[in-house]
């Protein structure tokens, strides 16, 4: 099997080939990105309060999530998906 080298950037890639963070990895809620001078970006989840600092290839969590809010969002999402899927 031959592997083909491609310079195409995948759709899921963000700046500099880094993965885009569109949803919180803890509770699945959409995240908000705020850009600051010097190329820093702070990505935060309004639902659980988790936040990450991004700068070039550097990613660091700057705020831990509220684990109770994560649990509530997870239970809400699980309940909503159970209501959508028919039982077999």
C-alpha atoms as a PDB file:
ATOM      1  CA  UNK A   1       0.000   0.000   0.000  1.00  0.00           C
ATOM      2  CA  UNK A   2       1.348   3.412  -0.945  1.00  0.00           C
ATOM      3  CA  UNK A   3       0.829   6.398   1.289  1.00  0.00           C
ATOM      4  CA  UNK A   4       0.150   9.627  -0.526  1.00  0.00           C
ATOM      5  CA  UNK A   5       1.580  12.817   0.925  1.00  0.00           C
ATOM      6  CA  UNK A   6      -0.868  15.666   0.885  1.00  0.00           C
ATOM      7  CA  UNK A   7      -0.416  19.304   1.752  1.00  0.00           C
ATOM      8  CA  UNK A   8      -4.153  19.756   2.116  1.00  0.00           C
ATOM      9  CA  UNK A   9      -5.232  20.877   5.542  1.00  0.00           C
ATOM     10  CA  UNK A  10      -8.054  18.756   6.977  1.00  0.00           C
ATOM     11  CA  UNK A  11     -11.392  20.475   7.593  1.00  0.00           C
ATOM     12  CA  UNK A  12     -10.985  19.909  11.326  1.00  0.00           C
ATOM     13  CA  UNK A  13      -7.696  21.830  11.421  1.00  0.00           C
ATOM     14  CA  UNK A  14      -7.558  25.359  12.722  1.00  0.00           C
ATOM     15  CA  UNK A  15      -4.672  27.825  12.749  1.00  0.00           C
ATOM     16  CA  UNK A  16      -1.230  26.301  12.024  1.00  0.00           C
ATOM     17  CA  UNK A  17      -2.760  22.851  11.570  1.00  0.00           C
ATOM     18  CA  UNK A  18      -3.910  22.703  15.201  1.00  0.00           C
ATOM     19  CA  UNK A  19      -7.300  21.049  15.750  1.00  0.00           C
ATOM     20  CA  UNK A  20     -10.194  23.470  16.031  1.00  0.00           C
ATOM     21  CA  UNK A  21     -11.868  23.452  19.392  1.00  0.00           C
ATOM     22  CA  UNK A  22     -15.527  24.037  18.558  1.00  0.00           C
ATOM     23  CA  UNK A  23     -17.118  22.162  21.467  1.00  0.00           C
ATOM     24  CA  UNK A  24     -16.071  21.734  25.073  1.00  0.00           C
ATOM     25  CA  UNK A  25     -14.396  18.339  25.564  1.00  0.00           C
ATOM     26  CA  UNK A  26     -16.023  18.071  28.991  1.00  0.00           C
ATOM     27  CA  UNK A  27     -19.700  18.799  28.350  1.00  0.00           C
ATOM     28  CA  UNK A  28     -20.034  19.174  24.562  1.00  0.00           C
ATOM     29  CA  UNK A  29     -21.271  22.780  24.688  1.00  0.00           C
ATOM     30  CA  UNK A  30     -20.125  25.292  22.054  1.00  0.00           C
ATOM     31  CA  UNK A  31     -17.046  27.305  23.079  1.00  0.00           C
ATOM     32  CA  UNK A  32     -16.214  30.991  22.654  1.00  0.00           C
ATOM     33  CA  UNK A  33     -12.800  32.238  21.462  1.00  0.00           C
ATOM     34  CA  UNK A  34     -11.359  35.636  22.424  1.00  0.00           C
ATOM     35  CA  UNK A  35      -8.224  36.876  20.607  1.00  0.00           C
ATOM     36  CA  UNK A  36      -5.670  39.067  22.387  1.00  0.00           C
ATOM     37  CA  UNK A  37      -2.670  41.072  21.128  1.00  0.00           C
ATOM     38  CA  UNK A  38       0.443  38.984  20.629  1.00  0.00           C
ATOM     39  CA  UNK A  39      -1.407  36.076  19.034  1.00  0.00           C
ATOM     40  CA  UNK A  40      -2.924  34.613  22.192  1.00  0.00           C
ATOM     41  CA  UNK A  41      -6.396  33.132  22.043  1.00  0.00           C
ATOM     42  CA  UNK A  42      -8.457  32.160  25.076  1.00  0.00           C
ATOM     43  CA  UNK A  43     -11.115  29.540  24.375  1.00  0.00           C
ATOM     44  CA  UNK A  44     -13.759  29.134  27.064  1.00  0.00           C
ATOM     45  CA  UNK A  45     -16.926  27.179  27.731  1.00  0.00           C
ATOM     46  CA  UNK A  46     -19.748  29.315  29.079  1.00  0.00           C
ATOM     47  CA  UNK A  47     -21.554  26.237  30.366  1.00  0.00           C
ATOM     48  CA  UNK A  48     -18.904  24.701  32.650  1.00  0.00           C
ATOM     49  CA  UNK A  49     -16.337  27.517  32.887  1.00  0.00           C
ATOM     50  CA  UNK A  50     -13.360  25.574  31.492  1.00  0.00           C
ATOM     51  CA  UNK A  51     -10.846  27.711  29.578  1.00  0.00           C
ATOM     52  CA  UNK A  52      -7.749  27.126  27.465  1.00  0.00           C
ATOM     53  CA  UNK A  53      -4.972  29.445  26.317  1.00  0.00           C
ATOM     54  CA  UNK A  54      -3.709  28.880  22.772  1.00  0.00           C
ATOM     55  CA  UNK A  55      -0.563  30.394  21.300  1.00  0.00           C
ATOM     56  CA  UNK A  56       1.005  28.837  18.184  1.00  0.00           C
ATOM     57  CA  UNK A  57       1.432  25.134  19.104  1.00  0.00           C
ATOM     58  CA  UNK A  58       1.076  25.805  22.835  1.00  0.00           C
ATOM     59  CA  UNK A  59      -2.216  24.802  24.499  1.00  0.00           C
ATOM     60  CA  UNK A  60      -2.751  25.120  28.240  1.00  0.00           C
ATOM     61  CA  UNK A  61      -5.842  24.784  30.402  1.00  0.00           C
ATOM     62  CA  UNK A  62      -6.199  27.941  32.492  1.00  0.00           C
ATOM     63  CA  UNK A  63      -9.504  27.167  34.220  1.00  0.00           C
ATOM     64  CA  UNK A  64     -10.816  23.823  35.372  1.00  0.00           C
ATOM     65  CA  UNK A  65     -14.458  23.030  34.606  1.00  0.00           C
ATOM     66  CA  UNK A  66     -17.259  23.047  37.150  1.00  0.00           C
ATOM     67  CA  UNK A  67     -17.738  19.285  37.371  1.00  0.00           C
ATOM     68  CA  UNK A  68     -21.329  19.590  38.617  1.00  0.00           C
ATOM     69  CA  UNK A  69     -22.219  21.639  35.512  1.00  0.00           C
ATOM     70  CA  UNK A  70     -20.475  19.011  33.355  1.00  0.00           C
ATOM     71  CA  UNK A  71     -22.544  16.242  34.960  1.00  0.00           C
ATOM     72  CA  UNK A  72     -25.806  18.179  34.505  1.00  0.00           C
ATOM     73  CA  UNK A  73     -25.035  18.919  30.830  1.00  0.00           C
ATOM     74  CA  UNK A  74     -24.088  15.287  30.235  1.00  0.00           C
ATOM     75  CA  UNK A  75     -27.322  14.030  31.811  1.00  0.00           C
ATOM     76  CA  UNK A  76     -29.339  16.580  29.823  1.00  0.00           C
ATOM     77  CA  UNK A  77     -27.662  15.520  26.573  1.00  0.00           C
ATOM     78  CA  UNK A  78     -28.173  11.828  27.385  1.00  0.00           C
ATOM     79  CA  UNK A  79     -31.853  12.431  28.150  1.00  0.00           C
ATOM     80  CA  UNK A  80     -32.361  14.404  24.950  1.00  0.00           C
ATOM     81  CA  UNK A  81     -30.715  11.743  22.814  1.00  0.00           C
ATOM     82  CA  UNK A  82     -32.772   9.005  24.462  1.00  0.00           C
ATOM     83  CA  UNK A  83     -35.957  10.905  23.600  1.00  0.00           C
ATOM     84  CA  UNK A  84     -34.912  11.200  19.953  1.00  0.00           C
ATOM     85  CA  UNK A  85     -33.862   7.584  19.389  1.00  0.00           C
ATOM     86  CA  UNK A  86     -36.664   5.054  19.091  1.00  0.00           C
ATOM     87  CA  UNK A  87     -36.425   2.082  21.416  1.00  0.00           C
ATOM     88  CA  UNK A  88     -36.049  -1.283  19.762  1.00  0.00           C
END
